[in-house]
Amino acid sequence: MGVFIRRSTGRRLRAAKPAVAAGLALAAIVAAACGGSVASRTASTPSTESPRAAFPLTAIDDDGVRVTIAARPRRIVTFAPSNTEIVFALGLGNDVVGVSGKFDDYPPGARSVARIGGAGEFGADPNVEKVVALRPDLMITISGGDQWKQRLRDLGVAVFTVDATGFADLLGDIRTIGRITGVPERAAALAEGMEAREAAVQRAVAGDPRVSCFFEA
């Protein structure tokens, strides 16, 4: 019997290039200084699902697509530096066989992994032929690219989209990636550690005066 996971259907913002932990600290400092909260306590509450991974596993990703993963992935392609960092942080770096492009440079081990970005400086779309040649069990990507995603699915590649809109969403993505890659307990520990660091930053700046902040996407 497999496991079914329902993902949030909200649209999300890709995590930035810096390391996950470093990005957390920056986000927490900015939000605290602006008088806001980085994470919704309700949204970041640990899942009540069983921490044990079971396959086959079916989940609905952030594109609303139902994705079935037959067995624990052993060959993973990540298409976004943020996803690369998460997978490595979960201790699965040796299972990563492809990354998006030159900005997948953290941790250092990611620099030696095959690049699957397509034409253009940023490799906006993956090279489908390169992806298929890597024989991935799972490709973890971000929003956009519906056409190439469908093409890869038609060729038998399990494509799963995560696309965080904020810190609480990022923690949810980490937990979801942990479940679909078979390491939910590692993901829970990582997310809880990040929450603790955020809380520590919030306490450290709690007495500081608020400042006006301007964000431009």
N, C-alpha and C. Protein backbone atom coordinates (compact mmCIF):
# COMPACT_ATOMS: atom_id res chain seq x y z
N MET A 1 0.85 -1.20 0.00
CA MET A 1 0.00 0.00 0.00
C MET A 1 0.88 1.24 0.00
N GLY A 2 0.53 2.20 -0.81
CA GLY A 2 1.32 3.43 -0.91
C GLY A 2 0.84 4.50 0.06
N VAL A 3 1.47 5.65 -0.02
CA VAL A 3 1.14 6.79 0.83
C VAL A 3 0.72 7.94 -0.05
N PHE A 4 -0.30 8.68 0.37
CA PHE A 4 -0.76 9.84 -0.39
C PHE A 4 -0.49 11.10 0.42
N ILE A 5 0.13 12.10 -0.20
CA ILE A 5 0.45 13.37 0.46
C ILE A 5 -0.21 14.48 -0.33
N ARG A 6 -0.97 15.33 0.32
CA ARG A 6 -1.56 16.48 -0.35
C ARG A 6 -0.73 17.71 -0.03
N ARG A 7 -0.30 18.39 -1.05
CA ARG A 7 0.51 19.59 -0.89
C ARG A 7 -0.36 20.83 -0.91
N SER A 8 0.16 21.92 -0.34
CA SER A 8 -0.52 23.21 -0.46
C SER A 8 -0.59 23.60 -1.93
N THR A 9 -1.69 24.23 -2.34
CA THR A 9 -1.82 24.64 -3.73
C THR A 9 -1.49 26.10 -3.93
N GLY A 10 -1.01 26.78 -2.88
CA GLY A 10 -0.66 28.18 -3.02
C GLY A 10 0.56 28.38 -3.89
N ARG A 11 0.63 29.48 -4.60
CA ARG A 11 1.80 29.77 -5.42
C ARG A 11 2.93 30.19 -4.51
N ARG A 12 4.14 29.91 -4.91
CA ARG A 12 5.25 30.08 -4.01
C ARG A 12 6.43 30.79 -4.66
N LEU A 13 7.31 31.31 -3.83
CA LEU A 13 8.49 32.02 -4.28
C LEU A 13 9.71 31.16 -4.07
N ARG A 14 10.55 31.02 -5.08
CA ARG A 14 11.73 30.16 -4.97
C ARG A 14 12.66 30.68 -3.89
N ALA A 15 13.27 29.76 -3.15
CA ALA A 15 14.25 30.15 -2.14
C ALA A 15 15.47 30.73 -2.83
N ALA A 16 16.17 31.63 -2.16
CA ALA A 16 17.28 32.34 -2.78
C ALA A 16 18.53 31.49 -2.86
N LYS A 17 19.57 32.03 -3.52
CA LYS A 17 20.79 31.29 -3.75
C LYS A 17 21.55 30.94 -2.49
N PRO A 18 21.67 31.82 -1.44
CA PRO A 18 22.48 31.48 -0.29
C PRO A 18 22.01 30.19 0.36
N ALA A 19 22.89 29.61 1.22
CA ALA A 19 22.57 28.38 1.91
C ALA A 19 21.29 28.52 2.69
N VAL A 20 20.61 27.41 2.88
CA VAL A 20 19.32 27.45 3.55
C VAL A 20 19.42 28.11 4.91
N ALA A 21 20.40 27.71 5.72
CA ALA A 21 20.52 28.26 7.06
C ALA A 21 20.86 29.74 7.03
N ALA A 22 21.72 30.16 6.10
CA ALA A 22 22.07 31.57 6.00
C ALA A 22 20.88 32.39 5.57
N GLY A 23 20.10 31.87 4.62
CA GLY A 23 18.91 32.57 4.19
C GLY A 23 17.92 32.72 5.31
N LEU A 24 17.81 31.71 6.16
CA LEU A 24 16.93 31.78 7.31
C LEU A 24 17.31 32.92 8.23
N ALA A 25 18.60 33.02 8.56
CA ALA A 25 19.03 34.06 9.47
C ALA A 25 18.73 35.44 8.92
N LEU A 26 19.00 35.65 7.63
CA LEU A 26 18.74 36.94 7.01
C LEU A 26 17.25 37.26 7.02
N ALA A 27 16.44 36.28 6.65
CA ALA A 27 14.99 36.50 6.63
C ALA A 27 14.45 36.83 8.00
N ALA A 28 14.95 36.13 9.01
CA ALA A 28 14.47 36.37 10.36
C ALA A 28 14.84 37.75 10.85
N ILE A 29 16.07 38.18 10.55
CA ILE A 29 16.52 39.50 10.97
C ILE A 29 15.69 40.59 10.31
N VAL A 30 15.48 40.46 8.99
CA VAL A 30 14.70 41.47 8.27
C VAL A 30 13.28 41.54 8.79
N ALA A 31 12.66 40.38 8.94
CA ALA A 31 11.27 40.37 9.39
C ALA A 31 11.13 40.93 10.79
N ALA A 32 12.07 40.57 11.67
CA ALA A 32 12.00 41.07 13.03
C ALA A 32 12.19 42.57 13.07
N ALA A 33 13.13 43.07 12.27
CA ALA A 33 13.39 44.50 12.24
C ALA A 33 12.20 45.27 11.70
N CYS A 34 11.47 44.66 10.78
CA CYS A 34 10.31 45.31 10.19
C CYS A 34 9.06 45.11 11.03
N GLY A 35 9.19 44.36 12.11
CA GLY A 35 8.05 44.15 12.98
C GLY A 35 7.14 43.05 12.53
N GLY A 36 7.60 42.23 11.56
CA GLY A 36 6.78 41.14 11.06
C GLY A 36 7.24 39.82 11.59
N SER A 37 6.54 38.77 11.21
CA SER A 37 6.91 37.42 11.61
C SER A 37 7.31 36.66 10.37
N VAL A 38 8.43 35.96 10.45
CA VAL A 38 8.90 35.20 9.31
C VAL A 38 8.00 34.01 9.04
N ALA A 39 7.59 33.32 10.07
CA ALA A 39 6.82 32.10 9.86
C ALA A 39 5.53 32.12 10.64
N SER A 40 4.52 31.62 10.01
CA SER A 40 3.26 31.40 10.71
C SER A 40 3.40 30.18 11.59
N ARG A 41 3.14 30.33 12.87
CA ARG A 41 3.31 29.19 13.77
C ARG A 41 2.37 28.05 13.39
N THR A 42 1.18 28.40 12.91
CA THR A 42 0.26 27.36 12.51
C THR A 42 0.75 26.63 11.27
N ALA A 43 1.23 27.41 10.29
CA ALA A 43 1.66 26.81 9.02
C ALA A 43 2.89 25.95 9.19
N SER A 44 3.76 26.27 10.18
CA SER A 44 5.01 25.55 10.31
C SER A 44 4.93 24.45 11.37
N THR A 45 3.74 24.16 11.87
CA THR A 45 3.58 23.08 12.82
C THR A 45 3.94 21.76 12.15
N PRO A 46 4.76 20.93 12.82
CA PRO A 46 5.15 19.66 12.20
C PRO A 46 3.94 18.84 11.77
N SER A 47 4.07 18.15 10.65
CA SER A 47 2.98 17.35 10.12
C SER A 47 2.61 16.23 11.08
N THR A 48 1.33 15.86 11.07
CA THR A 48 0.88 14.76 11.90
C THR A 48 0.98 13.43 11.17
N GLU A 49 1.48 13.46 9.92
CA GLU A 49 1.62 12.22 9.17
C GLU A 49 2.70 11.35 9.79
N SER A 50 2.65 10.08 9.49
CA SER A 50 3.66 9.16 9.99
C SER A 50 5.03 9.58 9.50
N PRO A 51 6.05 9.59 10.40
CA PRO A 51 7.39 9.99 9.98
C PRO A 51 8.07 8.95 9.11
N ARG A 52 7.52 7.74 9.02
CA ARG A 52 8.12 6.70 8.22
C ARG A 52 7.76 6.85 6.75
N ALA A 53 8.76 6.76 5.90
CA ALA A 53 8.50 6.86 4.47
C ALA A 53 8.05 5.51 3.95
N ALA A 54 7.03 5.51 3.10
CA ALA A 54 6.55 4.27 2.51
C ALA A 54 6.34 4.49 1.02
N PHE A 55 6.75 3.54 0.23
CA PHE A 55 6.62 3.62 -1.21
C PHE A 55 5.90 2.38 -1.71
N PRO A 56 5.16 2.51 -2.82
CA PRO A 56 5.01 3.70 -3.65
C PRO A 56 4.28 4.81 -2.92
N LEU A 57 4.59 6.04 -3.32
CA LEU A 57 4.07 7.24 -2.66
C LEU A 57 3.49 8.16 -3.72
N THR A 58 2.31 8.69 -3.46
CA THR A 58 1.68 9.63 -4.37
C THR A 58 1.46 10.95 -3.65
N ALA A 59 1.83 12.05 -4.28
CA ALA A 59 1.69 13.37 -3.68
C ALA A 59 1.22 14.36 -4.74
N ILE A 60 0.52 15.39 -4.30
CA ILE A 60 0.13 16.49 -5.18
C ILE A 60 1.11 17.63 -4.96
N ASP A 61 1.79 18.05 -6.01
CA ASP A 61 2.81 19.09 -5.87
C ASP A 61 2.21 20.48 -5.95
N ASP A 62 3.04 21.50 -5.97
CA ASP A 62 2.57 22.89 -5.94
C ASP A 62 2.02 23.37 -7.28
N ASP A 63 2.13 22.55 -8.31
CA ASP A 63 1.44 22.83 -9.57
C ASP A 63 0.07 22.15 -9.60
N GLY A 64 -0.26 21.43 -8.53
CA GLY A 64 -1.51 20.69 -8.49
C GLY A 64 -1.46 19.38 -9.24
N VAL A 65 -0.26 18.91 -9.52
CA VAL A 65 -0.09 17.67 -10.28
C VAL A 65 0.12 16.50 -9.32
N ARG A 66 -0.60 15.43 -9.57
CA ARG A 66 -0.44 14.21 -8.78
C ARG A 66 0.78 13.45 -9.29
N VAL A 67 1.74 13.23 -8.41
CA VAL A 67 2.99 12.59 -8.79
C VAL A 67 3.15 11.30 -7.98
N THR A 68 3.40 10.21 -8.67
CA THR A 68 3.62 8.93 -8.00
C THR A 68 5.10 8.55 -8.11
N ILE A 69 5.67 8.20 -6.97
CA ILE A 69 7.08 7.78 -6.91
C ILE A 69 7.08 6.33 -6.47
N ALA A 70 7.58 5.46 -7.33
CA ALA A 70 7.45 4.02 -7.12
C ALA A 70 8.29 3.50 -5.96
N ALA A 71 9.49 4.02 -5.82
CA ALA A 71 10.41 3.55 -4.78
C ALA A 71 11.27 4.72 -4.33
N ARG A 72 11.98 4.52 -3.25
CA ARG A 72 12.84 5.60 -2.77
C ARG A 72 13.81 6.03 -3.87
N PRO A 73 13.81 7.32 -4.21
CA PRO A 73 14.68 7.79 -5.30
C PRO A 73 16.16 7.60 -4.98
N ARG A 74 16.88 7.10 -5.96
CA ARG A 74 18.33 6.92 -5.82
C ARG A 74 19.10 7.80 -6.80
N ARG A 75 18.39 8.37 -7.78
CA ARG A 75 19.00 9.25 -8.77
C ARG A 75 18.09 10.48 -8.87
N ILE A 76 18.55 11.60 -8.31
CA ILE A 76 17.72 12.80 -8.18
C ILE A 76 18.32 13.93 -9.00
N VAL A 77 17.46 14.63 -9.72
CA VAL A 77 17.84 15.86 -10.42
C VAL A 77 17.13 17.01 -9.74
N THR A 78 17.87 18.09 -9.44
CA THR A 78 17.27 19.28 -8.85
C THR A 78 17.37 20.43 -9.85
N PHE A 79 16.26 21.13 -10.04
CA PHE A 79 16.27 22.23 -10.99
C PHE A 79 15.92 23.51 -10.26
N ALA A 80 16.88 24.02 -9.49
CA ALA A 80 16.86 25.27 -8.74
C ALA A 80 17.91 25.14 -7.65
N PRO A 81 18.77 26.14 -7.48
CA PRO A 81 19.78 26.05 -6.41
C PRO A 81 19.19 25.79 -5.03
N SER A 82 18.01 26.37 -4.76
CA SER A 82 17.39 26.16 -3.46
C SER A 82 17.08 24.68 -3.24
N ASN A 83 16.57 24.01 -4.25
CA ASN A 83 16.26 22.59 -4.12
C ASN A 83 17.53 21.76 -3.97
N THR A 84 18.57 22.16 -4.67
CA THR A 84 19.86 21.47 -4.53
C THR A 84 20.33 21.53 -3.10
N GLU A 85 20.27 22.72 -2.50
CA GLU A 85 20.72 22.88 -1.12
C GLU A 85 19.90 22.05 -0.15
N ILE A 86 18.60 22.01 -0.35
CA ILE A 86 17.75 21.22 0.54
C ILE A 86 18.11 19.74 0.46
N VAL A 87 18.24 19.22 -0.75
CA VAL A 87 18.54 17.80 -0.91
C VAL A 87 19.89 17.47 -0.29
N PHE A 88 20.88 18.31 -0.49
CA PHE A 88 22.18 18.07 0.14
C PHE A 88 22.08 18.17 1.66
N ALA A 89 21.31 19.13 2.16
CA ALA A 89 21.15 19.29 3.60
C ALA A 89 20.48 18.08 4.23
N LEU A 90 19.73 17.34 3.45
CA LEU A 90 19.09 16.12 3.94
C LEU A 90 20.03 14.92 3.86
N GLY A 91 21.27 15.15 3.48
CA GLY A 91 22.25 14.07 3.43
C GLY A 91 22.14 13.20 2.19
N LEU A 92 21.53 13.75 1.13
CA LEU A 92 21.31 12.97 -0.08
C LEU A 92 22.18 13.43 -1.25
N GLY A 93 23.26 14.12 -0.95
CA GLY A 93 24.12 14.64 -2.01
C GLY A 93 24.64 13.57 -2.95
N ASN A 94 24.92 12.39 -2.43
CA ASN A 94 25.43 11.32 -3.29
C ASN A 94 24.38 10.80 -4.26
N ASP A 95 23.11 11.12 -4.01
CA ASP A 95 22.04 10.68 -4.90
C ASP A 95 21.72 11.71 -5.98
N VAL A 96 22.32 12.89 -5.90
CA VAL A 96 22.04 13.94 -6.87
C VAL A 96 22.90 13.72 -8.12
N VAL A 97 22.25 13.51 -9.26
CA VAL A 97 22.98 13.23 -10.50
C VAL A 97 22.92 14.40 -11.47
N GLY A 98 22.08 15.42 -11.18
CA GLY A 98 21.99 16.57 -12.07
C GLY A 98 21.46 17.77 -11.32
N VAL A 99 21.98 18.96 -11.67
CA VAL A 99 21.52 20.22 -11.09
C VAL A 99 21.30 21.22 -12.22
N SER A 100 20.68 22.35 -11.90
CA SER A 100 20.25 23.26 -12.95
C SER A 100 21.40 23.94 -13.70
N GLY A 101 22.33 24.59 -12.98
CA GLY A 101 23.35 25.35 -13.69
C GLY A 101 24.44 25.87 -12.78
N LYS A 102 25.08 26.96 -13.22
CA LYS A 102 26.28 27.44 -12.55
C LYS A 102 26.00 27.99 -11.15
N PHE A 103 24.75 28.35 -10.87
CA PHE A 103 24.44 28.89 -9.55
C PHE A 103 24.20 27.80 -8.52
N ASP A 104 24.21 26.56 -8.94
CA ASP A 104 24.15 25.45 -7.98
C ASP A 104 25.58 25.20 -7.46
N ASP A 105 26.03 26.11 -6.60
CA ASP A 105 27.42 26.05 -6.15
C ASP A 105 27.55 25.86 -4.65
N TYR A 106 26.43 25.56 -3.97
CA TYR A 106 26.48 25.29 -2.54
C TYR A 106 25.59 24.11 -2.24
N PRO A 107 26.08 23.19 -1.40
CA PRO A 107 27.43 23.12 -0.87
C PRO A 107 28.45 22.82 -1.97
N PRO A 108 29.75 22.88 -1.63
CA PRO A 108 30.78 22.69 -2.67
C PRO A 108 30.60 21.41 -3.47
N GLY A 109 30.07 20.37 -2.86
CA GLY A 109 29.88 19.11 -3.57
C GLY A 109 28.96 19.23 -4.76
N ALA A 110 28.09 20.24 -4.76
CA ALA A 110 27.16 20.42 -5.88
C ALA A 110 27.86 20.90 -7.14
N ARG A 111 29.05 21.48 -7.00
CA ARG A 111 29.73 22.05 -8.15
C ARG A 111 30.20 21.00 -9.15
N SER A 112 30.38 19.78 -8.68
CA SER A 112 30.88 18.73 -9.57
C SER A 112 29.77 17.90 -10.19
N VAL A 113 28.52 18.24 -9.90
CA VAL A 113 27.39 17.48 -10.44
C VAL A 113 27.05 17.98 -11.85
N ALA A 114 26.59 17.11 -12.70
CA ALA A 114 26.25 17.45 -14.08
C ALA A 114 25.22 18.57 -14.13
N ARG A 115 25.43 19.54 -15.05
CA ARG A 115 24.49 20.64 -15.26
C ARG A 115 23.51 20.26 -16.36
N ILE A 116 22.23 20.53 -16.11
CA ILE A 116 21.23 20.13 -17.10
C ILE A 116 20.47 21.35 -17.65
N GLY A 117 20.94 22.56 -17.32
CA GLY A 117 20.29 23.77 -17.83
C GLY A 117 20.36 23.84 -19.34
N GLY A 118 19.34 24.45 -19.93
CA GLY A 118 19.28 24.57 -21.38
C GLY A 118 20.02 25.79 -21.88
N ALA A 119 19.55 26.35 -22.99
CA ALA A 119 20.21 27.48 -23.63
C ALA A 119 20.07 28.73 -22.77
N GLY A 120 21.03 29.64 -22.92
CA GLY A 120 20.98 30.90 -22.19
C GLY A 120 21.89 30.88 -20.98
N GLU A 121 22.25 32.06 -20.52
CA GLU A 121 23.19 32.20 -19.41
C GLU A 121 22.68 31.50 -18.16
N PHE A 122 21.39 31.58 -17.91
CA PHE A 122 20.84 31.04 -16.68
C PHE A 122 20.22 29.66 -16.86
N GLY A 123 20.25 29.13 -18.09
CA GLY A 123 19.66 27.83 -18.31
C GLY A 123 18.21 27.81 -17.88
N ALA A 124 17.40 28.75 -18.42
CA ALA A 124 16.04 28.95 -17.96
C ALA A 124 15.20 27.68 -18.03
N ASP A 125 15.42 26.86 -19.04
CA ASP A 125 14.73 25.58 -19.15
C ASP A 125 15.78 24.47 -19.17
N PRO A 126 15.43 23.31 -18.64
CA PRO A 126 16.41 22.22 -18.68
C PRO A 126 16.54 21.64 -20.07
N ASN A 127 17.66 21.04 -20.33
CA ASN A 127 17.87 20.29 -21.55
C ASN A 127 17.24 18.91 -21.33
N VAL A 128 16.10 18.68 -21.97
CA VAL A 128 15.34 17.46 -21.73
C VAL A 128 16.17 16.22 -22.03
N GLU A 129 16.95 16.27 -23.10
CA GLU A 129 17.77 15.11 -23.47
C GLU A 129 18.79 14.80 -22.39
N LYS A 130 19.40 15.85 -21.80
CA LYS A 130 20.37 15.63 -20.72
C LYS A 130 19.70 15.00 -19.51
N VAL A 131 18.52 15.51 -19.19
CA VAL A 131 17.80 14.97 -18.02
C VAL A 131 17.51 13.49 -18.22
N VAL A 132 16.94 13.14 -19.36
CA VAL A 132 16.58 11.75 -19.62
C VAL A 132 17.81 10.85 -19.60
N ALA A 133 18.93 11.35 -20.13
CA ALA A 133 20.17 10.57 -20.17
C ALA A 133 20.68 10.23 -18.78
N LEU A 134 20.33 11.05 -17.79
CA LEU A 134 20.77 10.81 -16.41
C LEU A 134 19.93 9.75 -15.71
N ARG A 135 18.85 9.32 -16.32
CA ARG A 135 17.96 8.28 -15.80
C ARG A 135 17.51 8.58 -14.36
N PRO A 136 16.94 9.77 -14.12
CA PRO A 136 16.55 10.11 -12.75
C PRO A 136 15.29 9.38 -12.30
N ASP A 137 15.26 9.06 -11.00
CA ASP A 137 14.04 8.54 -10.38
C ASP A 137 13.09 9.69 -10.03
N LEU A 138 13.66 10.88 -9.85
CA LEU A 138 12.88 12.03 -9.40
C LEU A 138 13.57 13.31 -9.82
N MET A 139 12.78 14.27 -10.30
CA MET A 139 13.27 15.61 -10.59
C MET A 139 12.49 16.58 -9.72
N ILE A 140 13.19 17.38 -8.92
CA ILE A 140 12.56 18.36 -8.03
C ILE A 140 12.81 19.73 -8.62
N THR A 141 11.74 20.46 -8.92
CA THR A 141 11.87 21.73 -9.61
C THR A 141 10.99 22.79 -8.95
N ILE A 142 10.89 23.95 -9.61
CA ILE A 142 10.08 25.05 -9.12
C ILE A 142 8.99 25.36 -10.14
N SER A 143 8.20 26.39 -9.88
CA SER A 143 7.06 26.69 -10.76
C SER A 143 7.51 27.15 -12.14
N GLY A 144 6.59 27.04 -13.10
CA GLY A 144 6.89 27.41 -14.48
C GLY A 144 7.31 26.20 -15.29
N GLY A 145 7.41 26.41 -16.60
CA GLY A 145 7.90 25.35 -17.47
C GLY A 145 6.95 24.20 -17.66
N ASP A 146 5.66 24.49 -17.76
CA ASP A 146 4.68 23.42 -17.87
C ASP A 146 4.94 22.51 -19.07
N GLN A 147 5.41 23.09 -20.18
CA GLN A 147 5.60 22.28 -21.38
C GLN A 147 6.73 21.27 -21.22
N TRP A 148 7.89 21.74 -20.72
CA TRP A 148 8.98 20.78 -20.58
C TRP A 148 8.72 19.79 -19.44
N LYS A 149 7.97 20.21 -18.43
CA LYS A 149 7.61 19.27 -17.37
C LYS A 149 6.76 18.13 -17.94
N GLN A 150 5.78 18.50 -18.75
CA GLN A 150 4.93 17.46 -19.34
C GLN A 150 5.72 16.57 -20.28
N ARG A 151 6.64 17.16 -21.02
CA ARG A 151 7.46 16.35 -21.92
C ARG A 151 8.26 15.31 -21.15
N LEU A 152 8.84 15.74 -20.01
CA LEU A 152 9.61 14.81 -19.19
C LEU A 152 8.71 13.73 -18.59
N ARG A 153 7.52 14.13 -18.15
CA ARG A 153 6.59 13.14 -17.61
C ARG A 153 6.21 12.11 -18.67
N ASP A 154 6.01 12.60 -19.90
CA ASP A 154 5.68 11.69 -20.99
C ASP A 154 6.81 10.70 -21.27
N LEU A 155 8.02 11.11 -20.90
CA LEU A 155 9.20 10.25 -21.10
C LEU A 155 9.50 9.41 -19.87
N GLY A 156 8.61 9.46 -18.88
CA GLY A 156 8.74 8.59 -17.72
C GLY A 156 9.46 9.16 -16.53
N VAL A 157 9.73 10.47 -16.53
CA VAL A 157 10.43 11.10 -15.40
C VAL A 157 9.40 11.65 -14.41
N ALA A 158 9.55 11.31 -13.14
CA ALA A 158 8.69 11.86 -12.09
C ALA A 158 9.16 13.27 -11.76
N VAL A 159 8.35 14.27 -12.09
CA VAL A 159 8.70 15.68 -11.87
C VAL A 159 7.84 16.23 -10.74
N PHE A 160 8.46 16.77 -9.72
CA PHE A 160 7.73 17.28 -8.54
C PHE A 160 8.10 18.74 -8.32
N THR A 161 7.08 19.60 -8.22
CA THR A 161 7.29 21.04 -8.09
C THR A 161 7.07 21.50 -6.66
N VAL A 162 8.04 22.26 -6.13
CA VAL A 162 7.88 22.98 -4.87
C VAL A 162 8.20 24.44 -5.15
N ASP A 163 7.50 25.35 -4.50
CA ASP A 163 7.65 26.76 -4.86
C ASP A 163 7.23 27.65 -3.69
N ALA A 164 8.11 27.86 -2.73
CA ALA A 164 7.77 28.50 -1.46
C ALA A 164 7.49 29.99 -1.59
N THR A 165 6.44 30.45 -0.90
CA THR A 165 6.09 31.87 -0.87
C THR A 165 6.62 32.56 0.38
N GLY A 166 7.17 31.82 1.31
CA GLY A 166 7.65 32.42 2.55
C GLY A 166 8.36 31.37 3.38
N PHE A 167 8.77 31.77 4.57
CA PHE A 167 9.58 30.89 5.41
C PHE A 167 8.80 29.66 5.86
N ALA A 168 7.57 29.86 6.29
CA ALA A 168 6.76 28.71 6.71
C ALA A 168 6.57 27.74 5.56
N ASP A 169 6.37 28.28 4.36
CA ASP A 169 6.24 27.46 3.16
C ASP A 169 7.53 26.69 2.89
N LEU A 170 8.66 27.35 3.10
CA LEU A 170 9.95 26.69 2.90
C LEU A 170 10.09 25.50 3.83
N LEU A 171 9.70 25.68 5.09
CA LEU A 171 9.77 24.57 6.03
C LEU A 171 8.87 23.42 5.58
N GLY A 172 7.70 23.77 5.05
CA GLY A 172 6.82 22.74 4.52
C GLY A 172 7.43 22.02 3.34
N ASP A 173 8.12 22.77 2.47
CA ASP A 173 8.79 22.16 1.33
C ASP A 173 9.88 21.19 1.78
N ILE A 174 10.63 21.59 2.80
CA ILE A 174 11.69 20.71 3.31
C ILE A 174 11.10 19.40 3.80
N ARG A 175 10.01 19.50 4.55
CA ARG A 175 9.37 18.28 5.06
C ARG A 175 8.83 17.42 3.91
N THR A 176 8.25 18.08 2.91
CA THR A 176 7.71 17.32 1.78
C THR A 176 8.83 16.65 0.99
N ILE A 177 9.90 17.38 0.72
CA ILE A 177 11.03 16.79 -0.01
C ILE A 177 11.59 15.61 0.79
N GLY A 178 11.63 15.76 2.11
CA GLY A 178 12.09 14.64 2.94
C GLY A 178 11.22 13.41 2.77
N ARG A 179 9.90 13.61 2.68
CA ARG A 179 9.00 12.46 2.54
C ARG A 179 9.13 11.82 1.17
N ILE A 180 9.20 12.62 0.11
CA ILE A 180 9.23 12.02 -1.23
C ILE A 180 10.59 11.42 -1.57
N THR A 181 11.62 11.77 -0.77
CA THR A 181 12.94 11.17 -0.99
C THR A 181 13.25 10.08 0.03
N GLY A 182 12.31 9.82 0.93
CA GLY A 182 12.49 8.71 1.86
C GLY A 182 13.22 9.03 3.14
N VAL A 183 13.41 10.32 3.45
CA VAL A 183 14.11 10.68 4.69
C VAL A 183 13.29 11.69 5.50
N PRO A 184 12.05 11.37 5.87
CA PRO A 184 11.21 12.34 6.56
C PRO A 184 11.74 12.75 7.93
N GLU A 185 12.40 11.85 8.63
CA GLU A 185 12.90 12.20 9.95
C GLU A 185 14.04 13.23 9.85
N ARG A 186 14.90 13.07 8.86
CA ARG A 186 15.97 14.07 8.66
C ARG A 186 15.36 15.42 8.33
N ALA A 187 14.33 15.42 7.49
CA ALA A 187 13.69 16.67 7.10
C ALA A 187 13.03 17.35 8.29
N ALA A 188 12.38 16.57 9.14
CA ALA A 188 11.74 17.14 10.32
C ALA A 188 12.78 17.77 11.23
N ALA A 189 13.92 17.10 11.40
CA ALA A 189 14.98 17.63 12.26
C ALA A 189 15.55 18.93 11.68
N LEU A 190 15.75 18.96 10.37
CA LEU A 190 16.27 20.16 9.72
C LEU A 190 15.30 21.32 9.89
N ALA A 191 14.02 21.10 9.62
CA ALA A 191 13.02 22.16 9.72
C ALA A 191 12.89 22.66 11.15
N GLU A 192 12.90 21.75 12.11
CA GLU A 192 12.78 22.16 13.51
C GLU A 192 14.00 22.97 13.94
N GLY A 193 15.18 22.58 13.47
CA GLY A 193 16.38 23.35 13.79
C GLY A 193 16.33 24.76 13.22
N MET A 194 15.80 24.89 12.01
CA MET A 194 15.67 26.20 11.39
C MET A 194 14.65 27.06 12.15
N GLU A 195 13.56 26.45 12.59
CA GLU A 195 12.58 27.18 13.38
C GLU A 195 13.21 27.70 14.67
N ALA A 196 14.04 26.86 15.30
CA ALA A 196 14.69 27.27 16.54
C ALA A 196 15.63 28.43 16.30
N ARG A 197 16.35 28.40 15.20
CA ARG A 197 17.27 29.50 14.88
C ARG A 197 16.52 30.78 14.59
N GLU A 198 15.38 30.65 13.89
CA GLU A 198 14.56 31.82 13.63
C GLU A 198 14.08 32.44 14.93
N ALA A 199 13.62 31.59 15.87
CA ALA A 199 13.13 32.09 17.15
C ALA A 199 14.24 32.80 17.92
N ALA A 200 15.46 32.27 17.84
CA ALA A 200 16.59 32.88 18.53
C ALA A 200 16.90 34.26 17.94
N VAL A 201 16.84 34.38 16.62
CA VAL A 201 17.07 35.67 15.99
C VAL A 201 15.98 36.66 16.38
N GLN A 202 14.74 36.20 16.40
CA GLN A 202 13.62 37.06 16.79
C GLN A 202 13.83 37.59 18.21
N ARG A 203 14.25 36.71 19.10
CA ARG A 203 14.49 37.16 20.49
C ARG A 203 15.64 38.15 20.56
N ALA A 204 16.67 37.93 19.76
CA ALA A 204 17.85 38.78 19.81
C ALA A 204 17.57 40.21 19.37
N VAL A 205 16.61 40.39 18.47
CA VAL A 205 16.33 41.73 17.95
C VAL A 205 15.01 42.29 18.47
N ALA A 206 14.40 41.58 19.41
CA ALA A 206 13.07 41.98 19.88
C ALA A 206 13.05 43.39 20.45
N GLY A 207 14.15 43.82 21.10
CA GLY A 207 14.17 45.15 21.71
C GLY A 207 14.65 46.25 20.80
N ASP A 208 15.04 45.92 19.59
CA ASP A 208 15.55 46.93 18.66
C ASP A 208 14.40 47.70 18.03
N PRO A 209 14.63 48.96 17.67
CA PRO A 209 13.56 49.74 17.00
C PRO A 209 13.24 49.16 15.64
N ARG A 210 11.97 49.25 15.26
CA ARG A 210 11.57 48.78 13.95
C ARG A 210 12.04 49.75 12.87
N VAL A 211 12.28 49.21 11.71
CA VAL A 211 12.69 50.03 10.58
C VAL A 211 11.73 49.79 9.41
N SER A 212 11.68 50.76 8.51
CA SER A 212 10.85 50.59 7.31
C SER A 212 11.60 49.74 6.31
N CYS A 213 10.90 48.81 5.69
CA CYS A 213 11.51 47.90 4.74
C CYS A 213 10.79 47.96 3.41
N PHE A 214 11.54 47.88 2.34
CA PHE A 214 10.97 47.88 1.01
C PHE A 214 11.45 46.64 0.28
N PHE A 215 10.53 45.84 -0.23
CA PHE A 215 10.86 44.64 -0.95
C PHE A 215 10.43 44.77 -2.40
N GLU A 216 11.32 44.40 -3.31
CA GLU A 216 11.00 44.44 -4.72
C GLU A 216 11.27 43.09 -5.32
N ALA A 217 10.27 42.49 -5.92
CA ALA A 217 10.44 41.16 -6.53
C ALA A 217 11.20 41.27 -7.83
